[in-house]
């Protein structure tokens, strides 16, 4: 078990109000197995940043307990830092340093001998497609190159567990896809456990074995992407029909076992049903028998967007630029560096 947290709680004193307390995270239990890629989702202000900062020793829990990479979070934070990698949201590099200087310095901060640090830097440069960029200043790199350098800094000491905070924010689609491939290889080739936060639901769906959803300081759901989507109330079906056939289509749809959320416009009837593939043959036969001319038929499987909306009543990217004061990143969040 790479992460085992129980009743993890963090409270903040509310500014300007004596004895006023904000419960940012309340009684959170998290379990992550070795070799898993786990996504941690939640809108801003939900408490996920606070949780991440606690698990990476940047913020001390008010109460609760956790083992991270085999080390006690409260009693041995130094041990935790030795065994984890952390890639923060912001760029963690010095703009006036070269790629090679950044990597070697990070290795030295983790007590690697100079020769070993240089060897590891060269190895990561090759693995993360930074070869040939070693003499480039960090400020001259593209967004995708800088993010790969951030990832290399978090991996310099070969950690068992890597925390990635919004790893692909601001990247173009090709750079995002390339970084996904690197993350997959971390697990496939090194057995690395990855715990990531993201605002991109397609990213969570594509990468993650399991997903944890947090809202209002508590975990409200967890499971594989497929299991979470299966809990949504069915596939969405849209039947196109002529204006004259809409009422007849409505009547037929309402008799389908399990059909719900039925609505109609002047050209379409929409509804949800579990296992649309099983319900559609009977629907089409009934429409044909009633002489209804269908103009289109669209079936949409539930997405993680649907999951998130059903759980929280909002989309993941709602109010993403609004961060409550207790969630404001501290200065250490913008840096990948963390000497043990």
Protein backbone atom coordinates (compact mmCIF):
# COMPACT_ATOMS: atom_id res chain seq x y z
CA UNK A 1 0.00 0.00 0.00
CA UNK A 2 1.54 3.31 -1.12
CA UNK A 3 -0.98 5.64 0.53
CA UNK A 4 -3.21 4.79 3.47
CA UNK A 5 -4.87 7.83 5.05
CA UNK A 6 -7.52 7.63 7.76
CA UNK A 7 -9.71 10.46 9.06
CA UNK A 8 -7.37 13.04 7.53
CA UNK A 9 -8.64 16.47 8.60
CA UNK A 10 -7.45 20.02 8.16
CA UNK A 11 -8.98 23.14 9.70
CA UNK A 12 -8.06 26.77 9.13
CA UNK A 13 -8.79 29.79 11.27
CA UNK A 14 -10.93 32.21 9.33
CA UNK A 15 -9.21 35.55 8.87
CA UNK A 16 -10.75 38.45 10.74
CA UNK A 17 -13.08 36.29 12.86
CA UNK A 18 -12.00 35.13 16.30
CA UNK A 19 -12.54 31.43 16.97
CA UNK A 20 -14.06 30.95 13.50
CA UNK A 21 -12.87 27.72 11.89
CA UNK A 22 -13.06 26.53 8.27
CA UNK A 23 -13.21 22.76 7.79
CA UNK A 24 -11.24 22.46 4.57
CA UNK A 25 -10.87 18.65 4.72
CA UNK A 26 -12.91 16.40 7.00
CA UNK A 27 -12.29 12.73 7.85
CA UNK A 28 -10.87 11.71 4.50
CA UNK A 29 -9.85 8.07 3.99
CA UNK A 30 -7.60 7.27 1.00
CA UNK A 31 -6.04 3.98 -0.06
CA UNK A 32 -3.71 3.69 -3.06
CA UNK A 33 -2.05 0.42 -4.04
CA UNK A 34 1.45 0.12 -5.42
CA UNK A 35 1.54 0.65 -9.18
CA UNK A 36 -1.86 2.37 -9.43
CA UNK A 37 -2.54 5.57 -11.32
CA UNK A 38 -5.16 7.37 -9.25
CA UNK A 39 -6.95 10.56 -10.27
CA UNK A 40 -8.09 13.05 -7.63
CA UNK A 41 -10.93 15.25 -8.87
CA UNK A 42 -12.81 18.13 -7.35
CA UNK A 43 -13.77 21.74 -8.06
CA UNK A 44 -11.68 24.53 -6.60
CA UNK A 45 -12.43 24.93 -2.93
CA UNK A 46 -13.37 21.26 -2.59
CA UNK A 47 -10.30 20.51 -0.48
CA UNK A 48 -8.21 18.50 -2.92
CA UNK A 49 -5.29 20.96 -2.93
CA UNK A 50 -5.26 20.94 0.86
CA UNK A 51 -5.33 17.13 0.84
CA UNK A 52 -2.49 16.97 -1.66
CA UNK A 53 -0.40 19.38 0.40
CA UNK A 54 -0.94 17.27 3.50
CA UNK A 55 0.05 14.04 1.75
CA UNK A 56 3.24 15.68 0.42
CA UNK A 57 4.20 17.11 3.87
CA UNK A 58 3.68 20.74 2.81
CA UNK A 59 0.84 21.16 5.30
CA UNK A 60 0.43 19.43 8.67
CA UNK A 61 -2.96 17.74 9.23
CA UNK A 62 -5.08 19.01 12.10
CA UNK A 63 -5.93 15.40 12.90
CA UNK A 64 -5.96 11.95 11.38
CA UNK A 65 -3.13 9.70 10.29
CA UNK A 66 -1.50 8.51 7.10
CA UNK A 67 1.23 6.25 5.79
CA UNK A 68 2.78 7.56 2.58
CA UNK A 69 5.31 5.34 0.78
CA UNK A 70 5.61 3.34 3.98
CA UNK A 71 6.44 6.35 6.20
CA UNK A 72 4.28 7.89 8.88
CA UNK A 73 3.16 11.31 7.69
CA UNK A 74 3.13 12.87 11.15
CA UNK A 75 6.14 11.16 12.73
CA UNK A 76 8.45 10.85 9.73
CA UNK A 77 7.79 13.62 7.18
CA UNK A 78 11.45 13.57 6.17
CA UNK A 79 11.12 9.89 5.26
CA UNK A 80 8.04 10.70 3.18
CA UNK A 81 9.91 13.39 1.26
CA UNK A 82 12.78 11.03 0.51
CA UNK A 83 10.47 8.49 -1.09
CA UNK A 84 8.01 10.65 -3.04
CA UNK A 85 8.26 12.90 -6.06
CA UNK A 86 6.13 16.02 -6.29
CA UNK A 87 5.45 18.03 -9.44
CA UNK A 88 3.55 21.19 -8.56
CA UNK A 89 1.15 23.15 -10.76
CA UNK A 90 3.53 26.02 -11.40
CA UNK A 91 6.84 25.95 -13.20
CA UNK A 92 9.44 24.75 -10.70
CA UNK A 93 12.55 25.77 -12.57
CA UNK A 94 14.90 28.73 -12.44
CA UNK A 95 14.51 30.57 -15.76
CA UNK A 96 18.22 31.51 -15.92
CA UNK A 97 19.49 27.95 -15.31
CA UNK A 98 20.10 25.36 -17.98
CA UNK A 99 18.27 22.05 -18.12
CA UNK A 100 21.42 20.19 -17.07
CA UNK A 101 22.02 22.56 -14.13
CA UNK A 102 18.47 22.17 -12.90
CA UNK A 103 18.59 18.38 -13.01
CA UNK A 104 22.02 18.10 -11.42
CA UNK A 105 21.08 20.52 -8.62
CA UNK A 106 17.90 18.58 -7.87
CA UNK A 107 19.89 15.37 -7.67
CA UNK A 108 22.39 16.98 -5.30
CA UNK A 109 19.52 18.21 -3.09
CA UNK A 110 18.51 14.59 -2.75
CA UNK A 111 22.05 13.72 -1.63
CA UNK A 112 23.10 12.02 -4.86
CA UNK A 113 26.87 12.17 -5.47
CA UNK A 114 27.75 14.55 -8.29
CA UNK A 115 28.62 11.77 -10.74
CA UNK A 116 25.41 9.87 -9.91
CA UNK A 117 23.37 13.07 -10.26
CA UNK A 118 24.79 13.72 -13.72
CA UNK A 119 24.19 10.12 -14.78
CA UNK A 120 20.59 10.22 -13.57
CA UNK A 121 20.04 13.58 -15.28
CA UNK A 122 21.26 12.15 -18.59
CA UNK A 123 19.05 9.10 -18.15
CA UNK A 124 15.95 11.21 -17.51
CA UNK A 125 16.78 13.55 -20.39
CA UNK A 126 16.70 10.55 -22.71
CA UNK A 127 13.53 9.04 -21.21
CA UNK A 128 11.62 12.34 -21.27
CA UNK A 129 12.82 13.53 -24.67
CA UNK A 130 15.00 16.31 -23.31
CA UNK A 131 18.18 15.09 -25.03
CA UNK A 132 19.82 17.95 -26.91
CA UNK A 133 18.23 20.56 -24.65
CA UNK A 134 20.68 20.21 -21.77
CA UNK A 135 22.45 23.53 -22.52
CA UNK A 136 19.21 25.45 -23.10
CA UNK A 137 18.02 27.94 -20.48
CA UNK A 138 14.77 26.87 -18.86
CA UNK A 139 13.10 30.12 -19.94
CA UNK A 140 13.67 29.26 -23.62
CA UNK A 141 11.83 25.91 -23.47
CA UNK A 142 8.36 25.37 -24.87
CA UNK A 143 5.47 24.64 -22.51
CA UNK A 144 5.65 20.91 -23.16
CA UNK A 145 9.43 20.87 -22.69
CA UNK A 146 9.18 22.78 -19.41
CA UNK A 147 6.55 20.37 -18.11
CA UNK A 148 8.73 17.38 -19.01
CA UNK A 149 11.60 19.08 -17.16
CA UNK A 150 9.33 19.54 -14.13
CA UNK A 151 8.53 15.83 -14.29
CA UNK A 152 12.23 14.97 -14.53
CA UNK A 153 12.93 17.05 -11.42
CA UNK A 154 10.28 15.09 -9.53
CA UNK A 155 11.80 11.78 -10.67
CA UNK A 156 15.50 12.50 -10.18
CA UNK A 157 15.73 10.39 -6.99
CA UNK A 158 13.71 7.46 -8.46
CA UNK A 159 10.72 7.80 -6.11
CA UNK A 160 8.25 4.98 -5.53
CA UNK A 161 5.33 7.41 -5.54
CA UNK A 162 4.84 10.56 -7.66
CA UNK A 163 2.30 13.30 -7.00
CA UNK A 164 1.37 15.28 -10.12
CA UNK A 165 -0.66 18.46 -9.58
CA UNK A 166 -2.42 19.48 -12.81
CA UNK A 167 0.42 18.04 -14.95
CA UNK A 168 -0.88 19.14 -18.36
CA UNK A 169 -2.54 22.48 -17.65
CA UNK A 170 -1.80 24.94 -20.44
CA UNK A 171 -0.30 22.38 -22.82
CA UNK A 172 -1.37 21.97 -26.42
CA UNK A 173 -3.12 18.67 -27.34
CA UNK A 174 0.00 17.04 -28.76
CA UNK A 175 2.09 17.92 -25.69
CA UNK A 176 -0.66 16.62 -23.42
CA UNK A 177 -0.79 13.31 -25.30
CA UNK A 178 3.00 12.98 -25.16
CA UNK A 179 3.02 13.60 -21.40
CA UNK A 180 0.27 10.98 -20.96
CA UNK A 181 2.56 8.48 -22.70
CA UNK A 182 5.40 9.34 -20.32
CA UNK A 183 3.14 8.85 -17.30
CA UNK A 184 1.99 5.46 -18.59
CA UNK A 185 5.58 4.38 -19.11
CA UNK A 186 6.45 5.37 -15.55
CA UNK A 187 4.03 2.76 -14.30
CA UNK A 188 4.65 0.15 -17.01
CA UNK A 189 8.46 0.24 -16.91
CA UNK A 190 9.27 1.40 -13.37
CA UNK A 191 6.22 0.27 -11.39
CA UNK A 192 5.80 3.85 -10.18
CA UNK A 193 2.60 4.76 -8.35
CA UNK A 194 1.05 8.00 -9.65
CA UNK A 195 -1.41 10.23 -7.76
CA UNK A 196 -2.60 13.10 -9.92
CA UNK A 197 -5.03 15.96 -9.81
CA UNK A 198 -6.52 17.26 -13.02
CA UNK A 199 -9.26 19.51 -14.36
CA UNK A 200 -9.37 17.53 -17.61
CA UNK A 201 -11.89 14.71 -17.32
CA UNK A 202 -10.69 13.11 -20.55
CA UNK A 203 -7.25 12.93 -18.94
CA UNK A 204 -8.61 11.16 -15.87
CA UNK A 205 -10.61 8.79 -18.06
CA UNK A 206 -7.62 8.02 -20.26
CA UNK A 207 -4.95 7.58 -17.60
CA UNK A 208 -6.45 6.52 -14.30
CA UNK A 209 -7.14 3.08 -12.89
CA UNK A 210 -9.27 4.64 -10.18
CA UNK A 211 -10.77 8.04 -9.50
CA UNK A 212 -11.49 9.79 -6.20
CA UNK A 213 -14.01 12.64 -6.21
CA UNK A 214 -13.96 15.28 -3.47
CA UNK A 215 -16.45 18.03 -2.74
CA UNK A 216 -16.96 20.27 0.28
CA UNK A 217 -13.96 18.77 2.03
CA UNK A 218 -15.10 15.15 1.86
CA UNK A 219 -14.64 12.23 -0.51
CA UNK A 220 -18.01 11.64 -2.11
CA UNK A 221 -17.23 8.86 -4.60
CA UNK A 222 -14.48 6.55 -5.78
CA UNK A 223 -14.13 3.79 -8.33
CA UNK A 224 -12.85 2.98 -11.79
CA UNK A 225 -13.92 5.35 -14.56
CA UNK A 226 -16.21 2.65 -15.98
CA UNK A 227 -17.83 1.82 -12.63
CA UNK A 228 -18.49 5.49 -11.89
CA UNK A 229 -20.06 5.97 -15.31
CA UNK A 230 -22.14 2.82 -14.84
CA UNK A 231 -23.71 4.40 -11.77
CA UNK A 232 -25.07 7.26 -13.84
CA UNK A 233 -28.72 6.81 -14.71
CA UNK A 234 -28.25 5.24 -18.11
CA UNK A 235 -27.22 6.07 -21.63
CA UNK A 236 -28.60 9.16 -23.32
CA UNK A 237 -30.73 8.44 -26.41
CA UNK A 238 -31.96 11.03 -28.91
CA UNK A 239 -34.54 9.99 -31.51
CA UNK A 240 -35.15 12.32 -34.46
CA UNK A 241 -38.63 12.24 -35.99
CA UNK A 242 -40.91 14.31 -38.16
CA UNK A 243 -43.06 16.91 -36.42
CA UNK A 244 -46.10 14.69 -37.00
CA UNK A 245 -44.40 11.72 -35.33
CA UNK A 246 -43.12 13.38 -32.16
CA UNK A 247 -46.19 12.64 -30.01
CA UNK A 248 -46.31 9.01 -31.10
CA UNK A 249 -42.57 8.68 -30.43
CA UNK A 250 -43.05 10.16 -26.95
CA UNK A 251 -45.76 7.62 -26.17
CA UNK A 252 -43.62 4.69 -27.34
CA UNK A 253 -40.54 5.87 -25.44
CA UNK A 254 -42.50 6.28 -22.22
CA UNK A 255 -43.48 2.59 -22.37
CA UNK A 256 -39.84 1.40 -22.59
CA UNK A 257 -38.93 -0.33 -19.29
CA UNK A 258 -36.52 1.86 -17.36
CA UNK A 259 -36.81 4.90 -19.64
CA UNK A 260 -36.74 8.18 -17.74
CA UNK A 261 -35.93 11.87 -18.11
CA UNK A 262 -38.07 11.86 -21.27
CA UNK A 263 -38.32 15.22 -23.05
CA UNK A 264 -39.24 16.42 -26.52
CA UNK A 265 -38.62 19.26 -28.89
CA UNK A 266 -40.34 19.77 -32.25
CA UNK A 267 -37.86 17.40 -33.93
CA UNK A 268 -36.36 15.15 -31.23
CA UNK A 269 -37.30 12.97 -28.28
CA UNK A 270 -34.62 12.49 -25.64
CA UNK A 271 -34.48 10.02 -22.78
CA UNK A 272 -32.14 7.98 -20.62
CA UNK A 273 -32.12 4.22 -20.18
CA UNK A 274 -29.63 1.72 -18.82
CA UNK A 275 -28.22 -0.53 -21.52
CA UNK A 276 -29.50 1.35 -24.55
CA UNK A 277 -28.10 -1.36 -26.83
CA UNK A 278 -30.70 -3.78 -25.40
CA UNK A 279 -33.61 -1.32 -25.53
CA UNK A 280 -33.11 0.04 -29.06
CA UNK A 281 -34.23 -2.99 -31.13
CA UNK A 282 -37.63 -3.02 -29.42
CA UNK A 283 -37.91 0.76 -29.78
CA UNK A 284 -37.22 0.66 -33.51
CA UNK A 285 -39.70 -2.16 -34.05
CA UNK A 286 -42.38 -0.22 -32.15
CA UNK A 287 -41.72 2.96 -34.13
CA UNK A 288 -41.90 1.02 -37.40
CA UNK A 289 -45.17 -0.64 -36.38
CA UNK A 290 -46.64 2.77 -35.52
CA UNK A 291 -45.62 4.15 -38.90
CA UNK A 292 -43.27 6.74 -37.38
CA UNK A 293 -40.54 7.92 -39.72
CA UNK A 294 -37.30 8.39 -37.76
CA UNK A 295 -34.78 10.87 -39.12
CA UNK A 296 -31.88 10.13 -36.76
CA UNK A 297 -30.85 8.08 -33.76
CA UNK A 298 -28.02 9.02 -31.41
CA UNK A 299 -26.81 7.07 -28.37
CA UNK A 300 -24.31 8.69 -25.99
CA UNK A 301 -22.61 6.73 -23.23
CA UNK A 302 -22.20 8.50 -19.88
CA UNK A 303 -19.01 10.51 -19.50
CA UNK A 304 -17.05 11.55 -16.45
CA UNK A 305 -18.56 14.99 -16.99
CA UNK A 306 -21.96 13.39 -16.39
CA UNK A 307 -20.58 11.63 -13.31
CA UNK A 308 -19.17 14.82 -11.88
CA UNK A 309 -22.33 16.80 -12.54
CA UNK A 310 -24.54 14.13 -10.99
CA UNK A 311 -22.36 14.05 -7.86
CA UNK A 312 -21.77 17.77 -7.34
CA UNK A 313 -24.42 19.57 -9.37
CA UNK A 314 -21.77 21.40 -11.38
CA UNK A 315 -19.10 20.73 -13.95
CA UNK A 316 -15.50 20.28 -12.88
CA UNK A 317 -14.36 23.52 -14.48
CA UNK A 318 -17.08 25.69 -12.89
CA UNK A 319 -15.55 28.66 -11.06
CA UNK A 320 -12.09 27.27 -11.64
CA UNK A 321 -10.58 30.71 -11.32
CA UNK A 322 -12.17 31.28 -7.94
CA UNK A 323 -9.99 29.90 -5.15
CA UNK A 324 -11.00 30.43 -1.51
CA UNK A 325 -8.36 31.86 0.79
CA UNK A 326 -7.72 28.56 2.57
CA UNK A 327 -6.99 26.94 -0.80
CA UNK A 328 -4.58 29.63 -2.00
CA UNK A 329 -1.32 27.92 -2.98
CA UNK A 330 1.60 28.72 -0.72
CA UNK A 331 4.98 29.68 -2.13
CA UNK A 332 6.17 26.09 -1.94
CA UNK A 333 3.41 24.93 -4.28
CA UNK A 334 4.97 26.66 -7.24
CA UNK A 335 8.22 24.74 -6.88
CA UNK A 336 9.17 21.17 -7.65
CA UNK A 337 12.20 21.40 -5.39
CA UNK A 338 12.02 19.75 -1.99
CA UNK A 339 15.22 18.74 -0.29
CA UNK A 340 14.78 15.77 2.06
